Amino acid sequence: MKKLMLLGALALSVLVLPAFADEKPMKIGIEAAYPPFASKAPDGSIVGFDYDIGNALCEEMKVKCTWVEQEFDGLIPALKVRKIDAILSSMSITEDRKKSVDFSNKYYNTPARLVMKDGTVVSAGLSELKGKKIGVQRGSIHDRFAQEVLKPLGAEIMPYGSQNEIYLDIAAGRLDGTLADATLLQDGFLNTDAGKGYAFAGPAFTDAKYFGDGIGIAVRKGDKADLDKINAAIVAIRANGKYKQIQDTYFNFDIYGE
């Protein structure tokens, strides 16, 4: 009888262990400061496109998600020290970042733009930016582009900890403009009361050297298991309509891009 009980217990453990293994939470890093991608609701909860996409992916992977808030420039360091398992925070897939992390396939793709006073003329050569103070988020791809392309043209580049701080200084007259993701600027600033009197200026920026191959989800180098699951889940929610359902909540165009 004892042998039968022992065998039964062993059999039960074999069945239970995989279930517990699948229940290990995936800790996802996000900076909740960029509507409509990620921001804080009045009750303190996180809302936005990135957040909803992340939850949909975790549901598809049958993995419990734990969201960890972190300033953007601290996300990759947090991933490396295993404070988080993945980054889902509108992070562009660039060659420079690929040296530190592995990326999923893209889950959306939009260009970078300048926002300045309505009526400001900025030609393709960008010469009009000489002497202008342009705010960028520190550590972002827009920061690198501004430092390497706009600064040599005479623009004064002002790095900030968050895009919201930049909006405040634009409204206060301490900046002439900002460079960031076009959709972020449209929804987070231009469509708000603070953005009245401002508009996109100059060309759209899409150089893959700086802006990469779309927006992806970062995992630690060599974490093929999580990467494969995430990529399969992206394909699945695109195919089953969940992606479009989330997209249509926030945008009136196909944010996935070409």
C-alpha atoms as a PDB file:
ATOM      1  CA  MET A   1       0.000   0.000   0.000  1.00  0.00           C
ATOM      2  CA  LYS A   2       2.831   2.389   0.945  1.00  0.00           C
ATOM      3  CA  LYS A   3       4.529   1.656  -2.387  1.00  0.00           C
ATOM      4  CA  LEU A   4       1.301   2.422  -4.238  1.00  0.00           C
ATOM      5  CA  MET A   5       0.896   5.670  -2.317  1.00  0.00           C
ATOM      6  CA  LEU A   6       4.483   6.629  -3.098  1.00  0.00           C
ATOM      7  CA  LEU A   7       4.040   5.870  -6.787  1.00  0.00           C
ATOM      8  CA  GLY A   8       0.828   7.888  -6.786  1.00  0.00           C
ATOM      9  CA  ALA A   9       2.552  10.827  -5.158  1.00  0.00           C
ATOM     10  CA  LEU A  10       5.383  10.679  -7.693  1.00  0.00           C
ATOM     11  CA  ALA A  11       2.924  10.554 -10.571  1.00  0.00           C
ATOM     12  CA  LEU A  12       1.060  13.527  -9.157  1.00  0.00           C
ATOM     13  CA  SER A  13       4.312  15.496  -8.796  1.00  0.00           C
ATOM     14  CA  VAL A  14       5.103  14.893 -12.469  1.00  0.00           C
ATOM     15  CA  LEU A  15       1.732  16.362 -13.394  1.00  0.00           C
ATOM     16  CA  VAL A  16       1.983  19.321 -11.029  1.00  0.00           C
ATOM     17  CA  LEU A  17       5.554  20.444 -11.685  1.00  0.00           C
ATOM     18  CA  PRO A  18       4.985  21.646 -15.264  1.00  0.00           C
ATOM     19  CA  ALA A  19       1.916  23.573 -14.142  1.00  0.00           C
ATOM     20  CA  PHE A  20       3.924  25.397 -11.485  1.00  0.00           C
ATOM     21  CA  ALA A  21       6.738  26.006 -13.974  1.00  0.00           C
ATOM     22  CA  ASP A  22       4.310  27.735 -16.327  1.00  0.00           C
ATOM     23  CA  GLU A  23       3.020  29.892 -13.472  1.00  0.00           C
ATOM     24  CA  LYS A  24       6.381  31.638 -12.925  1.00  0.00           C
ATOM     25  CA  PRO A  25       5.587  35.341 -13.431  1.00  0.00           C
ATOM     26  CA  MET A  26       7.246  37.233 -16.239  1.00  0.00           C
ATOM     27  CA  LYS A  27       8.471  40.568 -14.863  1.00  0.00           C
ATOM     28  CA  ILE A  28       8.004  43.225 -17.530  1.00  0.00           C
ATOM     29  CA  GLY A  29       9.692  46.613 -17.283  1.00  0.00           C
ATOM     30  CA  ILE A  30       7.789  49.694 -18.415  1.00  0.00           C
ATOM     31  CA  GLU A  31       7.964  53.456 -17.980  1.00  0.00           C
ATOM     32  CA  ALA A  32       4.418  54.718 -17.507  1.00  0.00           C
ATOM     33  CA  ALA A  33       4.982  58.279 -18.694  1.00  0.00           C
ATOM     34  CA  TYR A  34       4.087  58.227 -22.380  1.00  0.00           C
ATOM     35  CA  PRO A  35       0.406  58.317 -23.330  1.00  0.00           C
ATOM     36  CA  PRO A  36      -1.106  56.688 -25.280  1.00  0.00           C
ATOM     37  CA  PHE A  37       1.515  53.933 -24.961  1.00  0.00           C
ATOM     38  CA  ALA A  38       1.835  53.851 -21.183  1.00  0.00           C
ATOM     39  CA  SER A  39       0.697  56.272 -18.494  1.00  0.00           C
ATOM     40  CA  LYS A  40      -0.988  56.391 -15.093  1.00  0.00           C
ATOM     41  CA  ALA A  41      -4.755  56.485 -14.611  1.00  0.00           C
ATOM     42  CA  PRO A  42      -6.172  58.623 -11.761  1.00  0.00           C
ATOM     43  CA  ASP A  43      -6.293  55.522  -9.549  1.00  0.00           C
ATOM     44  CA  GLY A  44      -2.582  54.888 -10.094  1.00  0.00           C
ATOM     45  CA  SER A  45      -2.973  51.924 -12.432  1.00  0.00           C
ATOM     46  CA  ILE A  46      -1.028  51.663 -15.685  1.00  0.00           C
ATOM     47  CA  VAL A  47      -2.971  52.152 -18.913  1.00  0.00           C
ATOM     48  CA  GLY A  48      -2.039  52.359 -22.581  1.00  0.00           C
ATOM     49  CA  PHE A  49      -1.256  50.519 -25.778  1.00  0.00           C
ATOM     50  CA  ASP A  50       2.015  48.965 -24.554  1.00  0.00           C
ATOM     51  CA  TYR A  51       0.359  47.781 -21.346  1.00  0.00           C
ATOM     52  CA  ASP A  52      -2.609  46.228 -23.156  1.00  0.00           C
ATOM     53  CA  ILE A  53      -0.386  44.556 -25.748  1.00  0.00           C
ATOM     54  CA  GLY A  54       1.799  43.128 -22.987  1.00  0.00           C
ATOM     55  CA  ASN A  55      -1.173  41.683 -21.143  1.00  0.00           C
ATOM     56  CA  ALA A  56      -2.533  40.194 -24.374  1.00  0.00           C
ATOM     57  CA  LEU A  57       0.833  38.558 -25.077  1.00  0.00           C
ATOM     58  CA  CYS A  58       1.035  37.130 -21.570  1.00  0.00           C
ATOM     59  CA  GLU A  59      -2.495  35.768 -21.883  1.00  0.00           C
ATOM     60  CA  GLU A  60      -1.541  34.167 -25.196  1.00  0.00           C
ATOM     61  CA  MET A  61       1.625  32.673 -23.646  1.00  0.00           C
ATOM     62  CA  LYS A  62      -0.379  31.584 -20.567  1.00  0.00           C
ATOM     63  CA  VAL A  63       2.114  33.391 -18.352  1.00  0.00           C
ATOM     64  CA  LYS A  64       1.306  35.648 -15.410  1.00  0.00           C
ATOM     65  CA  CYS A  65       2.683  39.173 -15.909  1.00  0.00           C
ATOM     66  CA  THR A  66       4.145  41.350 -13.202  1.00  0.00           C
ATOM     67  CA  TRP A  67       4.712  44.942 -14.300  1.00  0.00           C
ATOM     68  CA  VAL A  68       7.756  46.774 -12.933  1.00  0.00           C
ATOM     69  CA  GLU A  69       7.903  50.545 -13.373  1.00  0.00           C
ATOM     70  CA  GLN A  70      11.302  51.997 -14.194  1.00  0.00           C
ATOM     71  CA  GLU A  71      12.655  55.170 -15.816  1.00  0.00           C
ATOM     72  CA  PHE A  72      13.422  54.495 -19.459  1.00  0.00           C
ATOM     73  CA  ASP A  73      17.203  54.866 -19.240  1.00  0.00           C
ATOM     74  CA  GLY A  74      17.251  52.338 -16.387  1.00  0.00           C
ATOM     75  CA  LEU A  75      15.326  49.605 -18.189  1.00  0.00           C
ATOM     76  CA  ILE A  76      18.238  47.825 -19.880  1.00  0.00           C
ATOM     77  CA  PRO A  77      20.387  47.895 -16.699  1.00  0.00           C
ATOM     78  CA  ALA A  78      17.410  46.450 -14.777  1.00  0.00           C
ATOM     79  CA  LEU A  79      17.087  43.680 -17.377  1.00  0.00           C
ATOM     80  CA  LYS A  80      20.768  42.811 -17.120  1.00  0.00           C
ATOM     81  CA  VAL A  81      20.669  42.428 -13.326  1.00  0.00           C
ATOM     82  CA  ARG A  82      17.472  40.318 -13.578  1.00  0.00           C
ATOM     83  CA  LYS A  83      15.234  42.819 -11.864  1.00  0.00           C
ATOM     84  CA  ILE A  84      12.976  42.305 -14.891  1.00  0.00           C
ATOM     85  CA  ASP A  85      12.667  39.586 -17.546  1.00  0.00           C
ATOM     86  CA  ALA A  86      11.571  41.716 -20.490  1.00  0.00           C
ATOM     87  CA  ILE A  87      11.185  45.351 -21.561  1.00  0.00           C
ATOM     88  CA  LEU A  88       7.918  46.397 -23.179  1.00  0.00           C
ATOM     89  CA  SER A  89       8.139  50.189 -23.262  1.00  0.00           C
ATOM     90  CA  SER A  90       8.166  51.426 -26.869  1.00  0.00           C
ATOM     91  CA  MET A  91      11.857  50.557 -27.249  1.00  0.00           C
ATOM     92  CA  SER A  92      13.207  50.804 -30.791  1.00  0.00           C
ATOM     93  CA  ILE A  93      15.140  47.889 -32.245  1.00  0.00           C
ATOM     94  CA  THR A  94      18.585  49.345 -32.992  1.00  0.00           C
ATOM     95  CA  GLU A  95      21.978  47.825 -33.733  1.00  0.00           C
ATOM     96  CA  ASP A  96      23.463  49.594 -30.722  1.00  0.00           C
ATOM     97  CA  ARG A  97      20.887  48.130 -28.325  1.00  0.00           C
ATOM     98  CA  LYS A  98      21.279  44.676 -29.883  1.00  0.00           C
ATOM     99  CA  LYS A  99      24.762  44.627 -28.352  1.00  0.00           C
ATOM    100  CA  SER A 100      23.139  44.575 -24.899  1.00  0.00           C
ATOM    101  CA  VAL A 101      19.803  42.789 -25.383  1.00  0.00           C
ATOM    102  CA  ASP A 102      17.938  40.493 -27.758  1.00  0.00           C
ATOM    103  CA  PHE A 103      14.780  41.821 -29.408  1.00  0.00           C
ATOM    104  CA  SER A 104      11.518  40.257 -30.462  1.00  0.00           C
ATOM    105  CA  ASN A 105      10.060  40.998 -33.854  1.00  0.00           C
ATOM    106  CA  LYS A 106       8.477  44.452 -33.997  1.00  0.00           C
ATOM    107  CA  TYR A 107       5.041  45.057 -32.523  1.00  0.00           C
ATOM    108  CA  TYR A 108       4.678  48.540 -34.033  1.00  0.00           C
ATOM    109  CA  ASN A 109       6.598  51.081 -36.103  1.00  0.00           C
ATOM    110  CA  THR A 110       6.216  54.888 -36.323  1.00  0.00           C
ATOM    111  CA  PRO A 111       8.608  57.700 -37.388  1.00  0.00           C
ATOM    112  CA  ALA A 112      10.271  60.362 -35.248  1.00  0.00           C
ATOM    113  CA  ARG A 113       9.219  64.016 -35.653  1.00  0.00           C
ATOM    114  CA  LEU A 114      10.027  67.476 -34.388  1.00  0.00           C
ATOM    115  CA  VAL A 115       7.362  69.555 -32.656  1.00  0.00           C
ATOM    116  CA  MET A 116       7.801  73.318 -32.542  1.00  0.00           C
ATOM    117  CA  LYS A 117       5.666  76.470 -32.576  1.00  0.00           C
ATOM    118  CA  ASP A 118       2.937  76.271 -35.211  1.00  0.00           C
ATOM    119  CA  GLY A 119       4.192  77.875 -38.413  1.00  0.00           C
ATOM    120  CA  THR A 120       7.869  77.139 -37.765  1.00  0.00           C
ATOM    121  CA  VAL A 121       9.538  76.254 -41.050  1.00  0.00           C
ATOM    122  CA  VAL A 122      12.182  73.515 -40.971  1.00  0.00           C
ATOM    123  CA  SER A 123      13.558  72.433 -44.337  1.00  0.00           C
ATOM    124  CA  ALA A 124      14.969  69.023 -45.237  1.00  0.00           C
ATOM    125  CA  GLY A 125      18.458  70.360 -44.529  1.00  0.00           C
ATOM    126  CA  LEU A 126      17.425  71.332 -40.966  1.00  0.00           C
ATOM    127  CA  SER A 127      19.516  74.519 -41.069  1.00  0.00           C
ATOM    128  CA  GLU A 128      16.726  76.437 -39.315  1.00  0.00           C
ATOM    129  CA  LEU A 129      17.485  74.527 -36.108  1.00  0.00           C
ATOM    130  CA  LYS A 130      20.733  76.446 -35.513  1.00  0.00           C
ATOM    131  CA  GLY A 131      20.559  78.044 -32.070  1.00  0.00           C
ATOM    132  CA  LYS A 132      17.262  76.306 -31.187  1.00  0.00           C
ATOM    133  CA  LYS A 133      16.894  74.449 -27.880  1.00  0.00           C
ATOM    134  CA  ILE A 134      15.536  70.968 -28.580  1.00  0.00           C
ATOM    135  CA  GLY A 135      14.436  68.715 -25.711  1.00  0.00           C
ATOM    136  CA  VAL A 136      14.964  64.957 -25.938  1.00  0.00           C
ATOM    137  CA  GLN A 137      14.522  62.080 -23.547  1.00  0.00           C
ATOM    138  CA  ARG A 138      17.878  61.094 -22.087  1.00  0.00           C
ATOM    139  CA  GLY A 139      19.132  57.714 -23.293  1.00  0.00           C
ATOM    140  CA  SER A 140      16.563  57.419 -26.086  1.00  0.00           C
ATOM    141  CA  ILE A 141      17.216  56.920 -29.794  1.00  0.00           C
ATOM    142  CA  HIS A 142      16.009  60.489 -30.262  1.00  0.00           C
ATOM    143  CA  ASP A 143      18.729  61.693 -27.894  1.00  0.00           C
ATOM    144  CA  ARG A 144      21.403  59.915 -29.948  1.00  0.00           C
ATOM    145  CA  PHE A 145      20.037  61.246 -33.253  1.00  0.00           C
ATOM    146  CA  ALA A 146      19.836  64.782 -31.875  1.00  0.00           C
ATOM    147  CA  GLN A 147      23.390  64.645 -30.487  1.00  0.00           C
ATOM    148  CA  GLU A 148      24.884  63.200 -33.674  1.00  0.00           C
ATOM    149  CA  VAL A 149      22.805  64.943 -36.349  1.00  0.00           C
ATOM    150  CA  LEU A 150      21.097  68.053 -34.963  1.00  0.00           C
ATOM    151  CA  LYS A 151      23.834  69.282 -32.624  1.00  0.00           C
ATOM    152  CA  PRO A 152      26.479  69.545 -35.388  1.00  0.00           C
ATOM    153  CA  LEU A 153      23.989  71.749 -37.272  1.00  0.00           C
ATOM    154  CA  GLY A 154      23.989  74.180 -34.359  1.00  0.00           C
ATOM    155  CA  ALA A 155      20.963  73.003 -32.372  1.00  0.00           C
ATOM    156  CA  GLU A 156      21.303  73.053 -28.580  1.00  0.00           C
ATOM    157  CA  ILE A 157      20.277  69.609 -27.333  1.00  0.00           C
ATOM    158  CA  MET A 158      18.694  69.453 -23.871  1.00  0.00           C
ATOM    159  CA  PRO A 159      18.354  65.921 -22.413  1.00  0.00           C
ATOM    160  CA  TYR A 160      15.538  65.284 -19.892  1.00  0.00           C
ATOM    161  CA  GLY A 161      14.546  62.382 -17.677  1.00  0.00           C
ATOM    162  CA  SER A 162      11.043  62.145 -19.161  1.00  0.00           C
ATOM    163  CA  GLN A 163       9.017  63.453 -22.067  1.00  0.00           C
ATOM    164  CA  ASN A 164       6.499  65.005 -19.684  1.00  0.00           C
ATOM    165  CA  GLU A 165       9.226  67.260 -18.274  1.00  0.00           C
ATOM    166  CA  ILE A 166       9.985  68.366 -21.826  1.00  0.00           C
ATOM    167  CA  TYR A 167       6.352  69.295 -22.456  1.00  0.00           C
ATOM    168  CA  LEU A 168       6.351  71.471 -19.331  1.00  0.00           C
ATOM    169  CA  ASP A 169       9.471  73.344 -20.438  1.00  0.00           C
ATOM    170  CA  ILE A 170       8.141  73.836 -23.968  1.00  0.00           C
ATOM    171  CA  ALA A 171       4.962  75.347 -22.534  1.00  0.00           C
ATOM    172  CA  ALA A 172       7.062  77.545 -20.220  1.00  0.00           C
ATOM    173  CA  GLY A 173       9.137  78.829 -23.142  1.00  0.00           C
ATOM    174  CA  ARG A 174      12.390  77.230 -22.001  1.00  0.00           C
ATOM    175  CA  LEU A 175      12.585  75.028 -25.106  1.00  0.00           C
ATOM    176  CA  ASP A 176      11.990  75.718 -28.788  1.00  0.00           C
ATOM    177  CA  GLY A 177      10.840  72.180 -29.490  1.00  0.00           C
ATOM    178  CA  THR A 178      11.263  68.466 -28.969  1.00  0.00           C
ATOM    179  CA  LEU A 179      12.109  65.368 -30.987  1.00  0.00           C
ATOM    180  CA  ALA A 180      10.267  62.127 -30.209  1.00  0.00           C
ATOM    181  CA  ASP A 181       7.996  59.450 -31.633  1.00  0.00           C
ATOM    182  CA  ALA A 182       5.325  61.043 -33.833  1.00  0.00           C
ATOM    183  CA  THR A 183       2.391  59.176 -32.288  1.00  0.00           C
ATOM    184  CA  LEU A 184       3.633  59.923 -28.794  1.00  0.00           C
ATOM    185  CA  LEU A 185       3.871  63.632 -29.621  1.00  0.00           C
ATOM    186  CA  GLN A 186       0.451  63.702 -31.261  1.00  0.00           C
ATOM    187  CA  ASP A 187      -1.436  62.072 -28.408  1.00  0.00           C
ATOM    188  CA  GLY A 188       0.725  63.133 -25.496  1.00  0.00           C
ATOM    189  CA  PHE A 189       1.129  66.799 -26.406  1.00  0.00           C
ATOM    190  CA  LEU A 190      -0.436  68.140 -29.617  1.00  0.00           C
ATOM    191  CA  ASN A 191      -3.901  66.778 -28.782  1.00  0.00           C
ATOM    192  CA  THR A 192      -3.798  68.327 -25.310  1.00  0.00           C
ATOM    193  CA  ASP A 193      -4.486  71.889 -24.132  1.00  0.00           C
ATOM    194  CA  ALA A 194      -0.766  72.365 -23.461  1.00  0.00           C
ATOM    195  CA  GLY A 195      -0.008  71.572 -27.105  1.00  0.00           C
ATOM    196  CA  LYS A 196      -2.207  74.288 -28.592  1.00  0.00           C
ATOM    197  CA  GLY A 197      -0.143  76.547 -30.804  1.00  0.00           C
ATOM    198  CA  TYR A 198       2.369  73.801 -31.596  1.00  0.00           C
ATOM    199  CA  ALA A 199       2.660  71.483 -34.598  1.00  0.00           C
ATOM    200  CA  PHE A 200       4.952  69.040 -36.360  1.00  0.00           C
ATOM    201  CA  ALA A 201       7.864  70.768 -38.070  1.00  0.00           C
ATOM    202  CA  GLY A 202      10.265  69.513 -40.706  1.00  0.00           C
ATOM    203  CA  PRO A 203      10.546  66.010 -42.182  1.00  0.00           C
ATOM    204  CA  ALA A 204       9.763  62.627 -40.664  1.00  0.00           C
ATOM    205  CA  PHE A 205      12.899  60.794 -39.499  1.00  0.00           C
ATOM    206  CA  THR A 206      13.150  57.091 -40.306  1.00  0.00           C
ATOM    207  CA  ASP A 207      16.891  56.396 -40.703  1.00  0.00           C
ATOM    208  CA  ALA A 208      17.332  52.799 -39.519  1.00  0.00           C
ATOM    209  CA  LYS A 209      20.823  53.678 -38.234  1.00  0.00           C
ATOM    210  CA  TYR A 210      19.159  55.697 -35.479  1.00  0.00           C
ATOM    211  CA  PHE A 211      15.530  54.625 -35.380  1.00  0.00           C
ATOM    212  CA  GLY A 212      15.978  50.935 -35.994  1.00  0.00           C
ATOM    213  CA  ASP A 213      13.557  48.432 -37.443  1.00  0.00           C
ATOM    214  CA  GLY A 214      10.455  49.222 -35.445  1.00  0.00           C
ATOM    215  CA  ILE A 215       9.546  48.813 -31.789  1.00  0.00           C
ATOM    216  CA  GLY A 216      10.261  45.492 -30.124  1.00  0.00           C
ATOM    217  CA  ILE A 217      10.308  43.697 -26.780  1.00  0.00           C
ATOM    218  CA  ALA A 218      13.764  43.270 -25.239  1.00  0.00           C
ATOM    219  CA  VAL A 219      14.952  40.233 -23.307  1.00  0.00           C
ATOM    220  CA  ARG A 220      18.371  39.286 -21.904  1.00  0.00           C
ATOM    221  CA  LYS A 221      21.009  38.178 -24.391  1.00  0.00           C
ATOM    222  CA  GLY A 222      20.609  34.479 -25.113  1.00  0.00           C
ATOM    223  CA  ASP A 223      17.112  34.171 -23.615  1.00  0.00           C
ATOM    224  CA  LYS A 224      15.824  32.244 -26.622  1.00  0.00           C
ATOM    225  CA  ALA A 225      13.042  30.520 -24.688  1.00  0.00           C
ATOM    226  CA  ASP A 226      11.247  33.747 -23.774  1.00  0.00           C
ATOM    227  CA  LEU A 227      12.044  35.309 -27.155  1.00  0.00           C
ATOM    228  CA  ASP A 228      10.475  32.432 -29.081  1.00  0.00           C
ATOM    229  CA  LYS A 229       7.347  32.522 -26.894  1.00  0.00           C
ATOM    230  CA  ILE A 230       6.985  36.280 -27.309  1.00  0.00           C
ATOM    231  CA  ASN A 231       7.434  36.138 -31.092  1.00  0.00           C
ATOM    232  CA  ALA A 232       4.866  33.346 -31.392  1.00  0.00           C
ATOM    233  CA  ALA A 233       2.440  35.342 -29.245  1.00  0.00           C
ATOM    234  CA  ILE A 234       2.862  38.467 -31.415  1.00  0.00           C
ATOM    235  CA  VAL A 235       1.984  36.405 -34.487  1.00  0.00           C
ATOM    236  CA  ALA A 236      -0.998  34.888 -32.679  1.00  0.00           C
ATOM    237  CA  ILE A 237      -2.593  38.153 -31.496  1.00  0.00           C
ATOM    238  CA  ARG A 238      -2.093  39.650 -34.960  1.00  0.00           C
ATOM    239  CA  ALA A 239      -3.891  36.641 -36.470  1.00  0.00           C
ATOM    240  CA  ASN A 240      -6.755  36.307 -33.967  1.00  0.00           C
ATOM    241  CA  GLY A 241      -7.791  39.965 -34.057  1.00  0.00           C
ATOM    242  CA  LYS A 242      -6.689  40.862 -30.518  1.00  0.00           C
ATOM    243  CA  TYR A 243      -3.960  43.194 -31.794  1.00  0.00           C
ATOM    244  CA  LYS A 244      -6.392  45.130 -33.993  1.00  0.00           C
ATOM    245  CA  GLN A 245      -8.894  45.350 -31.146  1.00  0.00           C
ATOM    246  CA  ILE A 246      -6.259  46.956 -28.907  1.00  0.00           C
ATOM    247  CA  GLN A 247      -4.912  49.142 -31.710  1.00  0.00           C
ATOM    248  CA  ASP A 248      -8.363  50.521 -32.531  1.00  0.00           C
ATOM    249  CA  THR A 249      -8.797  51.560 -28.894  1.00  0.00           C
ATOM    250  CA  TYR A 250      -5.955  54.054 -29.244  1.00  0.00           C
ATOM    251  CA  PHE A 251      -5.366  54.813 -32.940  1.00  0.00           C
ATOM    252  CA  ASN A 252      -7.329  55.362 -36.126  1.00  0.00           C
ATOM    253  CA  PHE A 253      -4.572  53.959 -38.350  1.00  0.00           C
ATOM    254  CA  ASP A 254      -2.451  50.820 -38.654  1.00  0.00           C
ATOM    255  CA  ILE A 255       0.342  51.423 -36.139  1.00  0.00           C
ATOM    256  CA  TYR A 256       2.008  48.111 -37.002  1.00  0.00           C
ATOM    257  CA  GLY A 257       3.370  49.712 -40.171  1.00  0.00           C
ATOM    258  CA  GLU A 258       4.976  48.130 -43.174  1.00  0.00           C
END
